[in-house]
């Protein structure tokens, strides 16, 4: 039997490919699609693209380096979670996290724009720290990841002035923890 390539993690792989497509489309349109489809910012509720951007912002990236840094973690952490929770549940987690982070940006930061999958990546990281959770126990890995990763983001938010949205990382991590606990209660 000859080895073949398997599309082993459809949600994660499709997300990575859609993000790459959004990046290529941004290059081809001189950034128009990135700004108008894959970036969330305060805009009129009468604009139909406002609703697309509330979720679509997670597919947009400012450049190849930004894309690569998010996709490397997504491609490492995502497939085992998709295998554990299933494609539908993982897709739901991605959509919920995208919507919540989009709404936070839209409501709380009217003068700035947000794009990128880092909130999704942080959601996956926290979700993975819960993957071995047993009933009635809080995994030590969750506590360590929350303190080290999310604590670092809070410190960075206070001390750094850069173009990184640490709040989105924290929101993504909180979504991952909440979704992980919710899914651990259901078979």
N, C-alpha and C. Protein backbone atom coordinates (compact mmCIF):
# COMPACT_ATOMS: atom_id res chain seq x y z
N UNK A 1 0.84 -1.18 0.00
CA UNK A 1 0.00 0.00 0.00
C UNK A 1 0.89 1.25 0.00
N UNK A 2 0.60 2.15 -0.91
CA UNK A 2 1.37 3.40 -1.00
C UNK A 2 0.83 4.41 0.01
N UNK A 3 1.74 5.13 0.67
CA UNK A 3 1.27 6.18 1.58
C UNK A 3 0.60 7.30 0.79
N UNK A 4 -0.38 7.92 1.41
CA UNK A 4 -1.07 9.03 0.79
C UNK A 4 -1.22 10.17 1.80
N UNK A 5 -1.50 11.34 1.29
CA UNK A 5 -1.69 12.50 2.15
C UNK A 5 -3.13 12.50 2.64
N UNK A 6 -3.28 12.65 3.94
CA UNK A 6 -4.59 12.62 4.56
C UNK A 6 -4.96 14.03 5.04
N UNK A 7 -6.15 14.46 4.74
CA UNK A 7 -6.68 15.74 5.23
C UNK A 7 -7.22 15.46 6.64
N UNK A 8 -6.28 15.32 7.58
CA UNK A 8 -6.57 14.72 8.88
C UNK A 8 -7.33 15.61 9.87
N UNK A 9 -7.34 16.89 9.64
CA UNK A 9 -7.97 17.81 10.59
C UNK A 9 -8.72 18.87 9.78
N UNK A 10 -9.90 18.54 9.29
CA UNK A 10 -10.57 19.41 8.32
C UNK A 10 -10.82 20.84 8.80
N UNK A 11 -11.22 21.03 10.04
CA UNK A 11 -11.49 22.39 10.51
C UNK A 11 -10.20 23.19 10.60
N UNK A 12 -9.17 22.62 11.20
CA UNK A 12 -7.90 23.33 11.38
C UNK A 12 -7.25 23.60 10.02
N UNK A 13 -7.19 22.60 9.17
CA UNK A 13 -6.57 22.79 7.86
C UNK A 13 -7.36 23.78 6.99
N UNK A 14 -8.66 23.70 7.02
CA UNK A 14 -9.47 24.64 6.25
C UNK A 14 -9.30 26.06 6.77
N UNK A 15 -9.23 26.22 8.10
CA UNK A 15 -8.99 27.54 8.69
C UNK A 15 -7.65 28.09 8.20
N UNK A 16 -6.61 27.27 8.22
CA UNK A 16 -5.29 27.71 7.78
C UNK A 16 -5.30 28.08 6.30
N UNK A 17 -5.99 27.30 5.50
CA UNK A 17 -6.06 27.59 4.06
C UNK A 17 -6.90 28.84 3.78
N UNK A 18 -8.01 29.00 4.48
CA UNK A 18 -8.82 30.22 4.31
C UNK A 18 -8.03 31.46 4.72
N UNK A 19 -7.25 31.35 5.78
CA UNK A 19 -6.42 32.47 6.22
C UNK A 19 -5.35 32.79 5.18
N UNK A 20 -4.76 31.75 4.60
CA UNK A 20 -3.78 31.97 3.53
C UNK A 20 -4.45 32.62 2.32
N UNK A 21 -5.67 32.18 1.99
CA UNK A 21 -6.42 32.79 0.90
C UNK A 21 -6.73 34.25 1.18
N UNK A 22 -7.09 34.56 2.43
CA UNK A 22 -7.37 35.96 2.80
C UNK A 22 -6.11 36.80 2.68
N UNK A 23 -4.97 36.24 3.06
CA UNK A 23 -3.69 36.95 2.94
C UNK A 23 -3.36 37.21 1.47
N UNK A 24 -3.51 36.20 0.62
CA UNK A 24 -3.25 36.35 -0.81
C UNK A 24 -4.20 37.36 -1.43
N UNK A 25 -5.46 37.30 -1.03
CA UNK A 25 -6.45 38.25 -1.53
C UNK A 25 -6.09 39.68 -1.11
N UNK A 26 -5.60 39.82 0.10
CA UNK A 26 -5.15 41.13 0.57
C UNK A 26 -4.01 41.66 -0.27
N UNK A 27 -3.05 40.79 -0.58
CA UNK A 27 -1.94 41.21 -1.45
C UNK A 27 -2.45 41.60 -2.83
N UNK A 28 -3.36 40.79 -3.38
CA UNK A 28 -3.86 41.02 -4.74
C UNK A 28 -4.69 42.31 -4.85
N UNK A 29 -5.35 42.70 -3.76
CA UNK A 29 -6.21 43.89 -3.79
C UNK A 29 -5.55 45.10 -3.14
N UNK A 30 -4.26 45.01 -2.88
CA UNK A 30 -3.58 46.14 -2.25
C UNK A 30 -4.07 46.43 -0.85
N UNK A 31 -4.57 45.42 -0.16
CA UNK A 31 -5.03 45.56 1.23
C UNK A 31 -6.51 45.87 1.37
N UNK A 32 -7.22 46.06 0.26
CA UNK A 32 -8.64 46.41 0.34
C UNK A 32 -9.44 45.33 1.06
N UNK A 33 -9.27 44.07 0.66
CA UNK A 33 -10.06 43.00 1.29
C UNK A 33 -9.67 42.80 2.75
N UNK A 34 -8.40 42.99 3.05
CA UNK A 34 -7.97 42.86 4.44
C UNK A 34 -8.70 43.89 5.30
N UNK A 35 -8.73 45.12 4.83
CA UNK A 35 -9.39 46.20 5.58
C UNK A 35 -10.90 46.03 5.63
N UNK A 36 -11.51 45.64 4.54
CA UNK A 36 -12.97 45.64 4.46
C UNK A 36 -13.64 44.31 4.82
N UNK A 37 -12.89 43.21 4.82
CA UNK A 37 -13.48 41.91 5.14
C UNK A 37 -12.84 41.21 6.33
N UNK A 38 -11.54 41.40 6.51
CA UNK A 38 -10.80 40.59 7.48
C UNK A 38 -10.17 41.41 8.59
N UNK A 39 -10.85 42.46 8.99
CA UNK A 39 -10.38 43.36 10.03
C UNK A 39 -11.62 43.89 10.75
N UNK A 40 -11.68 43.81 12.06
CA UNK A 40 -12.87 44.30 12.77
C UNK A 40 -12.54 45.65 13.39
N UNK A 41 -13.48 46.56 13.24
CA UNK A 41 -13.36 47.90 13.79
C UNK A 41 -14.77 48.47 13.89
N UNK A 42 -14.91 49.57 14.61
CA UNK A 42 -16.22 50.20 14.77
C UNK A 42 -16.67 50.72 13.42
N UNK A 43 -17.83 50.28 13.00
CA UNK A 43 -18.43 50.73 11.75
C UNK A 43 -19.94 50.71 11.93
N UNK A 44 -20.66 51.37 11.04
CA UNK A 44 -22.12 51.45 11.21
C UNK A 44 -22.77 50.07 11.16
N UNK A 45 -23.78 49.88 12.00
CA UNK A 45 -24.51 48.61 12.01
C UNK A 45 -25.34 48.43 10.74
N UNK A 46 -25.53 49.50 9.99
CA UNK A 46 -26.25 49.41 8.71
C UNK A 46 -25.37 48.83 7.60
N UNK A 47 -24.06 48.77 7.83
CA UNK A 47 -23.13 48.19 6.86
C UNK A 47 -23.12 46.67 7.02
N UNK A 48 -23.57 45.92 6.00
CA UNK A 48 -23.60 44.45 6.13
C UNK A 48 -22.23 43.83 6.39
N UNK A 49 -21.18 44.49 5.93
CA UNK A 49 -19.83 43.94 6.15
C UNK A 49 -19.39 44.03 7.61
N UNK A 50 -20.07 44.87 8.39
CA UNK A 50 -19.78 44.93 9.83
C UNK A 50 -19.94 43.55 10.45
N UNK A 51 -20.98 42.84 10.06
CA UNK A 51 -21.27 41.52 10.63
C UNK A 51 -20.30 40.46 10.12
N UNK A 52 -19.86 40.60 8.88
CA UNK A 52 -18.84 39.69 8.33
C UNK A 52 -17.54 39.86 9.09
N UNK A 53 -17.17 41.14 9.34
CA UNK A 53 -15.90 41.43 10.02
C UNK A 53 -15.89 40.97 11.47
N UNK A 54 -17.07 40.91 12.13
CA UNK A 54 -17.11 40.48 13.53
C UNK A 54 -16.55 39.07 13.71
N UNK A 55 -16.66 38.24 12.68
CA UNK A 55 -16.12 36.88 12.74
C UNK A 55 -14.92 36.73 11.79
N UNK A 56 -14.99 37.37 10.63
CA UNK A 56 -13.97 37.20 9.60
C UNK A 56 -12.61 37.76 9.95
N UNK A 57 -12.53 38.60 10.96
CA UNK A 57 -11.25 39.20 11.34
C UNK A 57 -10.20 38.15 11.72
N UNK A 58 -10.63 36.97 12.16
CA UNK A 58 -9.67 35.94 12.57
C UNK A 58 -8.94 35.34 11.37
N UNK A 59 -9.47 35.55 10.16
CA UNK A 59 -8.81 35.03 8.96
C UNK A 59 -7.78 36.00 8.40
N UNK A 60 -7.87 37.26 8.77
CA UNK A 60 -6.96 38.27 8.24
C UNK A 60 -5.65 38.33 9.00
N UNK A 61 -4.59 38.66 8.27
CA UNK A 61 -3.26 38.83 8.88
C UNK A 61 -2.55 39.99 8.20
N UNK A 62 -1.70 40.67 8.94
CA UNK A 62 -1.03 41.86 8.43
C UNK A 62 0.09 41.54 7.44
N UNK A 63 0.56 40.31 7.44
CA UNK A 63 1.63 39.90 6.54
C UNK A 63 1.94 38.43 6.74
N UNK A 64 2.90 37.94 5.97
CA UNK A 64 3.22 36.52 6.03
C UNK A 64 3.79 36.11 7.39
N UNK A 65 4.60 36.95 7.99
CA UNK A 65 5.18 36.61 9.31
C UNK A 65 4.08 36.49 10.37
N UNK A 66 3.11 37.39 10.33
CA UNK A 66 1.99 37.35 11.26
C UNK A 66 1.18 36.08 11.03
N UNK A 67 0.90 35.78 9.77
CA UNK A 67 0.18 34.56 9.40
C UNK A 67 0.92 33.32 9.91
N UNK A 68 2.21 33.26 9.62
CA UNK A 68 3.01 32.09 9.97
C UNK A 68 3.07 31.87 11.48
N UNK A 69 3.22 32.94 12.25
CA UNK A 69 3.31 32.77 13.71
C UNK A 69 2.01 32.22 14.28
N UNK A 70 0.87 32.64 13.73
CA UNK A 70 -0.40 32.10 14.20
C UNK A 70 -0.65 30.68 13.71
N UNK A 71 -0.34 30.42 12.45
CA UNK A 71 -0.66 29.11 11.87
C UNK A 71 0.22 27.99 12.41
N UNK A 72 1.47 28.30 12.74
CA UNK A 72 2.33 27.24 13.29
C UNK A 72 1.74 26.70 14.59
N UNK A 73 1.30 27.58 15.47
CA UNK A 73 0.69 27.12 16.72
C UNK A 73 -0.66 26.45 16.46
N UNK A 74 -1.45 27.03 15.57
CA UNK A 74 -2.76 26.45 15.25
C UNK A 74 -2.60 25.03 14.70
N UNK A 75 -1.62 24.82 13.82
CA UNK A 75 -1.43 23.51 13.20
C UNK A 75 -0.82 22.48 14.16
N UNK A 76 -0.18 22.95 15.21
CA UNK A 76 0.38 22.02 16.21
C UNK A 76 -0.67 21.67 17.27
N UNK A 77 -1.36 22.68 17.77
CA UNK A 77 -2.29 22.48 18.89
C UNK A 77 -3.67 22.02 18.40
N UNK A 78 -4.11 22.47 17.23
CA UNK A 78 -5.46 22.23 16.76
C UNK A 78 -5.84 20.79 16.44
N UNK A 79 -5.03 20.05 15.66
CA UNK A 79 -5.45 18.69 15.28
C UNK A 79 -5.75 17.74 16.43
N UNK A 80 -4.94 17.68 17.49
CA UNK A 80 -5.33 16.79 18.60
C UNK A 80 -6.65 17.20 19.25
N UNK A 81 -6.91 18.51 19.30
CA UNK A 81 -8.18 18.97 19.88
C UNK A 81 -9.35 18.62 18.96
N UNK A 82 -9.13 18.72 17.66
CA UNK A 82 -10.20 18.35 16.73
C UNK A 82 -10.48 16.85 16.82
N UNK A 83 -9.44 16.07 17.04
CA UNK A 83 -9.64 14.62 17.21
C UNK A 83 -10.39 14.33 18.51
N UNK A 84 -10.04 15.06 19.58
CA UNK A 84 -10.69 14.81 20.87
C UNK A 84 -12.14 15.29 20.91
N UNK A 85 -12.38 16.51 20.46
CA UNK A 85 -13.71 17.11 20.59
C UNK A 85 -14.59 16.96 19.36
N UNK A 86 -13.99 16.65 18.22
CA UNK A 86 -14.74 16.54 16.98
C UNK A 86 -14.71 17.86 16.20
N UNK A 87 -14.91 17.75 14.90
CA UNK A 87 -14.84 18.91 14.02
C UNK A 87 -15.93 19.93 14.32
N UNK A 88 -17.14 19.49 14.54
CA UNK A 88 -18.24 20.43 14.79
C UNK A 88 -18.01 21.25 16.05
N UNK A 89 -17.61 20.57 17.13
CA UNK A 89 -17.38 21.29 18.39
C UNK A 89 -16.23 22.27 18.26
N UNK A 90 -15.16 21.85 17.58
CA UNK A 90 -14.02 22.75 17.44
C UNK A 90 -14.40 23.95 16.57
N UNK A 91 -15.15 23.72 15.50
CA UNK A 91 -15.61 24.83 14.67
C UNK A 91 -16.47 25.79 15.50
N UNK A 92 -17.35 25.25 16.32
CA UNK A 92 -18.17 26.09 17.18
C UNK A 92 -17.30 26.91 18.13
N UNK A 93 -16.27 26.30 18.71
CA UNK A 93 -15.35 27.02 19.60
C UNK A 93 -14.67 28.17 18.86
N UNK A 94 -14.24 27.92 17.62
CA UNK A 94 -13.59 28.96 16.83
C UNK A 94 -14.57 30.09 16.54
N UNK A 95 -15.79 29.76 16.14
CA UNK A 95 -16.77 30.79 15.81
C UNK A 95 -17.17 31.62 17.03
N UNK A 96 -17.36 30.96 18.17
CA UNK A 96 -17.72 31.67 19.40
C UNK A 96 -16.59 32.61 19.81
N UNK A 97 -15.36 32.12 19.77
CA UNK A 97 -14.21 32.94 20.15
C UNK A 97 -14.04 34.11 19.19
N UNK A 98 -14.22 33.87 17.89
CA UNK A 98 -14.12 34.95 16.90
C UNK A 98 -15.17 36.02 17.16
N UNK A 99 -16.39 35.59 17.41
CA UNK A 99 -17.48 36.55 17.65
C UNK A 99 -17.26 37.35 18.93
N UNK A 100 -16.88 36.67 20.00
CA UNK A 100 -16.67 37.37 21.27
C UNK A 100 -15.51 38.35 21.16
N UNK A 101 -14.39 37.93 20.58
CA UNK A 101 -13.26 38.86 20.45
C UNK A 101 -13.61 40.00 19.49
N UNK A 102 -14.39 39.72 18.45
CA UNK A 102 -14.83 40.78 17.54
C UNK A 102 -15.73 41.78 18.23
N UNK A 103 -16.65 41.29 19.03
CA UNK A 103 -17.55 42.19 19.77
C UNK A 103 -16.79 43.03 20.80
N UNK A 104 -15.83 42.43 21.49
CA UNK A 104 -15.02 43.18 22.46
C UNK A 104 -14.29 44.31 21.75
N UNK A 105 -13.69 44.00 20.62
CA UNK A 105 -12.97 45.02 19.85
C UNK A 105 -13.94 46.11 19.37
N UNK A 106 -15.05 45.69 18.81
CA UNK A 106 -16.04 46.62 18.26
C UNK A 106 -16.58 47.56 19.34
N UNK A 107 -16.89 47.02 20.50
CA UNK A 107 -17.52 47.81 21.56
C UNK A 107 -16.54 48.62 22.39
N UNK A 108 -15.36 48.08 22.64
CA UNK A 108 -14.44 48.71 23.59
C UNK A 108 -13.33 49.55 22.97
N UNK A 109 -13.05 49.34 21.69
CA UNK A 109 -11.93 50.04 21.07
C UNK A 109 -12.36 50.66 19.74
N UNK A 110 -13.13 51.73 19.80
CA UNK A 110 -13.71 52.30 18.58
C UNK A 110 -12.71 52.89 17.61
N UNK A 111 -11.51 53.21 18.05
CA UNK A 111 -10.55 53.88 17.18
C UNK A 111 -9.44 52.96 16.66
N UNK A 112 -9.54 51.66 16.94
CA UNK A 112 -8.52 50.74 16.46
C UNK A 112 -9.16 49.55 15.74
N UNK A 113 -8.34 48.89 14.95
CA UNK A 113 -8.79 47.71 14.19
C UNK A 113 -8.05 46.48 14.71
N UNK A 114 -8.66 45.33 14.50
CA UNK A 114 -8.08 44.06 14.96
C UNK A 114 -8.16 43.04 13.84
N UNK A 115 -7.09 42.29 13.66
CA UNK A 115 -7.11 41.18 12.73
C UNK A 115 -6.12 40.13 13.21
N UNK A 116 -6.35 38.89 12.79
CA UNK A 116 -5.44 37.81 13.12
C UNK A 116 -6.10 36.73 13.95
N UNK A 117 -5.43 35.59 13.99
CA UNK A 117 -5.96 34.39 14.64
C UNK A 117 -5.38 34.15 16.03
N UNK A 118 -4.72 35.14 16.61
CA UNK A 118 -4.08 34.89 17.90
C UNK A 118 -5.10 34.60 19.00
N UNK A 119 -6.28 35.19 18.96
CA UNK A 119 -7.31 34.85 19.94
C UNK A 119 -7.73 33.40 19.81
N UNK A 120 -7.81 32.91 18.58
CA UNK A 120 -8.15 31.50 18.33
C UNK A 120 -7.03 30.61 18.86
N UNK A 121 -5.80 31.00 18.62
CA UNK A 121 -4.65 30.21 19.10
C UNK A 121 -4.65 30.14 20.62
N UNK A 122 -4.90 31.26 21.29
CA UNK A 122 -4.94 31.25 22.75
C UNK A 122 -6.10 30.41 23.26
N UNK A 123 -7.23 30.45 22.56
CA UNK A 123 -8.35 29.59 22.92
C UNK A 123 -7.93 28.13 22.85
N UNK A 124 -7.25 27.75 21.77
CA UNK A 124 -6.80 26.37 21.61
C UNK A 124 -5.80 25.96 22.68
N UNK A 125 -4.91 26.89 23.04
CA UNK A 125 -3.90 26.59 24.06
C UNK A 125 -4.57 26.29 25.41
N UNK A 126 -5.51 27.15 25.81
CA UNK A 126 -6.20 26.91 27.08
C UNK A 126 -7.09 25.68 27.00
N UNK A 127 -7.73 25.47 25.86
CA UNK A 127 -8.56 24.29 25.66
C UNK A 127 -7.72 23.02 25.77
N UNK A 128 -6.51 23.06 25.21
CA UNK A 128 -5.66 21.87 25.29
C UNK A 128 -5.18 21.60 26.70
N UNK A 129 -5.03 22.65 27.50
CA UNK A 129 -4.60 22.43 28.89
C UNK A 129 -5.69 21.78 29.72
N UNK A 130 -6.92 21.79 29.21
CA UNK A 130 -8.05 21.14 29.88
C UNK A 130 -8.35 19.75 29.34
N UNK A 131 -7.64 19.34 28.30
CA UNK A 131 -8.04 18.11 27.59
C UNK A 131 -7.92 16.84 28.43
N UNK A 132 -7.09 16.85 29.44
CA UNK A 132 -6.97 15.66 30.28
C UNK A 132 -7.73 15.78 31.59
N UNK A 133 -8.65 16.71 31.66
CA UNK A 133 -9.36 16.98 32.91
C UNK A 133 -10.25 15.81 33.33
N UNK A 134 -10.19 15.50 34.60
CA UNK A 134 -11.06 14.47 35.19
C UNK A 134 -12.17 15.16 35.98
N UNK A 135 -13.27 14.47 36.17
CA UNK A 135 -14.42 15.04 36.89
C UNK A 135 -14.01 15.50 38.28
N UNK A 136 -14.39 16.71 38.63
CA UNK A 136 -14.14 17.23 39.96
C UNK A 136 -12.73 17.72 40.21
N UNK A 137 -11.90 17.76 39.17
CA UNK A 137 -10.51 18.18 39.36
C UNK A 137 -10.18 19.31 38.38
N UNK A 138 -9.37 20.24 38.82
CA UNK A 138 -8.87 21.30 37.95
C UNK A 138 -7.42 20.94 37.62
N UNK A 139 -7.11 20.77 36.32
CA UNK A 139 -5.75 20.37 35.95
C UNK A 139 -4.72 21.44 36.31
N UNK A 140 -3.60 20.98 36.83
CA UNK A 140 -2.50 21.89 37.15
C UNK A 140 -2.00 22.57 35.88
N UNK A 141 -2.06 21.87 34.75
CA UNK A 141 -1.63 22.47 33.48
C UNK A 141 -2.45 23.72 33.16
N UNK A 142 -3.74 23.68 33.47
CA UNK A 142 -4.58 24.85 33.23
C UNK A 142 -4.11 26.03 34.08
N UNK A 143 -3.84 25.77 35.33
CA UNK A 143 -3.40 26.83 36.24
C UNK A 143 -2.08 27.42 35.76
N UNK A 144 -1.14 26.55 35.40
CA UNK A 144 0.17 27.04 34.94
C UNK A 144 0.05 27.82 33.63
N UNK A 145 -0.71 27.31 32.69
CA UNK A 145 -0.88 28.02 31.42
C UNK A 145 -1.57 29.36 31.66
N UNK A 146 -2.59 29.37 32.49
CA UNK A 146 -3.30 30.62 32.77
C UNK A 146 -2.36 31.64 33.41
N UNK A 147 -1.59 31.20 34.39
CA UNK A 147 -0.69 32.13 35.08
C UNK A 147 0.43 32.59 34.15
N UNK A 148 1.08 31.65 33.47
CA UNK A 148 2.23 32.01 32.65
C UNK A 148 1.84 32.73 31.37
N UNK A 149 0.93 32.15 30.62
CA UNK A 149 0.56 32.72 29.32
C UNK A 149 -0.31 33.97 29.49
N UNK A 150 -1.43 33.81 30.18
CA UNK A 150 -2.34 34.94 30.31
C UNK A 150 -1.79 36.01 31.24
N UNK A 151 -1.10 35.58 32.29
CA UNK A 151 -0.45 36.56 33.17
C UNK A 151 0.57 37.38 32.41
N UNK A 152 1.33 36.73 31.54
CA UNK A 152 2.30 37.44 30.70
C UNK A 152 1.63 38.44 29.78
N UNK A 153 0.47 38.08 29.27
CA UNK A 153 -0.26 38.99 28.39
C UNK A 153 -0.77 40.21 29.15
N UNK A 154 -1.21 40.01 30.37
CA UNK A 154 -1.66 41.15 31.19
C UNK A 154 -0.48 42.07 31.48
N UNK A 155 0.66 41.50 31.84
CA UNK A 155 1.86 42.32 32.09
C UNK A 155 2.25 43.07 30.82
N UNK A 156 2.24 42.38 29.68
CA UNK A 156 2.59 43.03 28.41
C UNK A 156 1.62 44.16 28.08
N UNK A 157 0.35 43.95 28.36
CA UNK A 157 -0.65 44.98 28.07
C UNK A 157 -0.39 46.24 28.88
N UNK A 158 0.13 46.06 30.07
CA UNK A 158 0.40 47.21 30.94
C UNK A 158 1.73 47.87 30.58
N UNK A 159 2.73 47.08 30.23
CA UNK A 159 4.09 47.61 30.07
C UNK A 159 4.51 47.91 28.64
N UNK A 160 3.90 47.28 27.66
CA UNK A 160 4.34 47.46 26.27
C UNK A 160 3.38 48.36 25.50
N UNK A 161 3.92 49.06 24.54
CA UNK A 161 3.13 49.83 23.58
C UNK A 161 3.51 49.30 22.20
N UNK A 162 2.75 48.33 21.73
CA UNK A 162 3.04 47.73 20.43
C UNK A 162 1.73 47.52 19.68
N UNK A 163 1.80 46.88 18.54
CA UNK A 163 0.60 46.64 17.74
C UNK A 163 0.00 45.27 18.01
N UNK A 164 0.24 44.72 19.19
CA UNK A 164 -0.29 43.42 19.57
C UNK A 164 -1.46 43.63 20.51
N UNK A 165 -2.55 42.95 20.25
CA UNK A 165 -3.73 43.06 21.11
C UNK A 165 -3.69 41.99 22.19
N UNK A 166 -3.07 42.32 23.30
CA UNK A 166 -2.99 41.37 24.41
C UNK A 166 -4.38 41.03 24.94
N UNK A 167 -5.29 42.00 24.88
CA UNK A 167 -6.65 41.73 25.35
C UNK A 167 -7.29 40.61 24.53
N UNK A 168 -7.03 40.58 23.23
CA UNK A 168 -7.57 39.51 22.40
C UNK A 168 -7.01 38.16 22.82
N UNK A 169 -5.75 38.12 23.20
CA UNK A 169 -5.15 36.89 23.70
C UNK A 169 -5.84 36.45 24.98
N UNK A 170 -6.07 37.38 25.87
CA UNK A 170 -6.74 37.06 27.13
C UNK A 170 -8.18 36.61 26.87
N UNK A 171 -8.89 37.32 25.99
CA UNK A 171 -10.27 36.94 25.66
C UNK A 171 -10.29 35.54 25.05
N UNK A 172 -9.37 35.26 24.13
CA UNK A 172 -9.28 33.93 23.53
C UNK A 172 -9.01 32.86 24.57
N UNK A 173 -8.08 33.14 25.48
CA UNK A 173 -7.78 32.19 26.54
C UNK A 173 -8.96 31.93 27.45
N UNK A 174 -9.68 32.99 27.82
CA UNK A 174 -10.87 32.83 28.66
C UNK A 174 -11.94 32.03 27.93
N UNK A 175 -12.10 32.29 26.63
CA UNK A 175 -13.06 31.50 25.84
C UNK A 175 -12.66 30.03 25.86
N UNK A 176 -11.37 29.74 25.67
CA UNK A 176 -10.90 28.36 25.68
C UNK A 176 -11.17 27.67 27.01
N UNK A 177 -10.92 28.38 28.11
CA UNK A 177 -11.17 27.80 29.43
C UNK A 177 -12.66 27.55 29.64
N UNK A 178 -13.48 28.54 29.32
CA UNK A 178 -14.93 28.38 29.52
C UNK A 178 -15.50 27.29 28.62
N UNK A 179 -15.09 27.28 27.36
CA UNK A 179 -15.58 26.25 26.44
C UNK A 179 -15.09 24.86 26.85
N UNK A 180 -13.86 24.78 27.34
CA UNK A 180 -13.32 23.50 27.79
C UNK A 180 -14.09 22.95 28.98
N UNK A 181 -14.38 23.83 29.95
CA UNK A 181 -15.18 23.37 31.09
C UNK A 181 -16.58 22.97 30.65
N UNK A 182 -17.18 23.75 29.76
CA UNK A 182 -18.53 23.43 29.29
C UNK A 182 -18.54 22.09 28.55
N UNK A 183 -17.55 21.83 27.72
CA UNK A 183 -17.52 20.58 26.97
C UNK A 183 -17.17 19.38 27.85
N UNK A 184 -16.46 19.64 28.94
CA UNK A 184 -16.11 18.52 29.83
C UNK A 184 -17.33 18.02 30.60
N UNK A 185 -18.35 18.85 30.69
CA UNK A 185 -19.56 18.45 31.41
C UNK A 185 -20.52 17.67 30.53
N UNK A 186 -20.30 17.72 29.21
CA UNK A 186 -21.16 16.98 28.26
C UNK A 186 -20.36 15.84 27.67
N UNK A 187 -21.03 14.73 27.42
CA UNK A 187 -20.31 13.62 26.79
C UNK A 187 -19.94 13.93 25.35
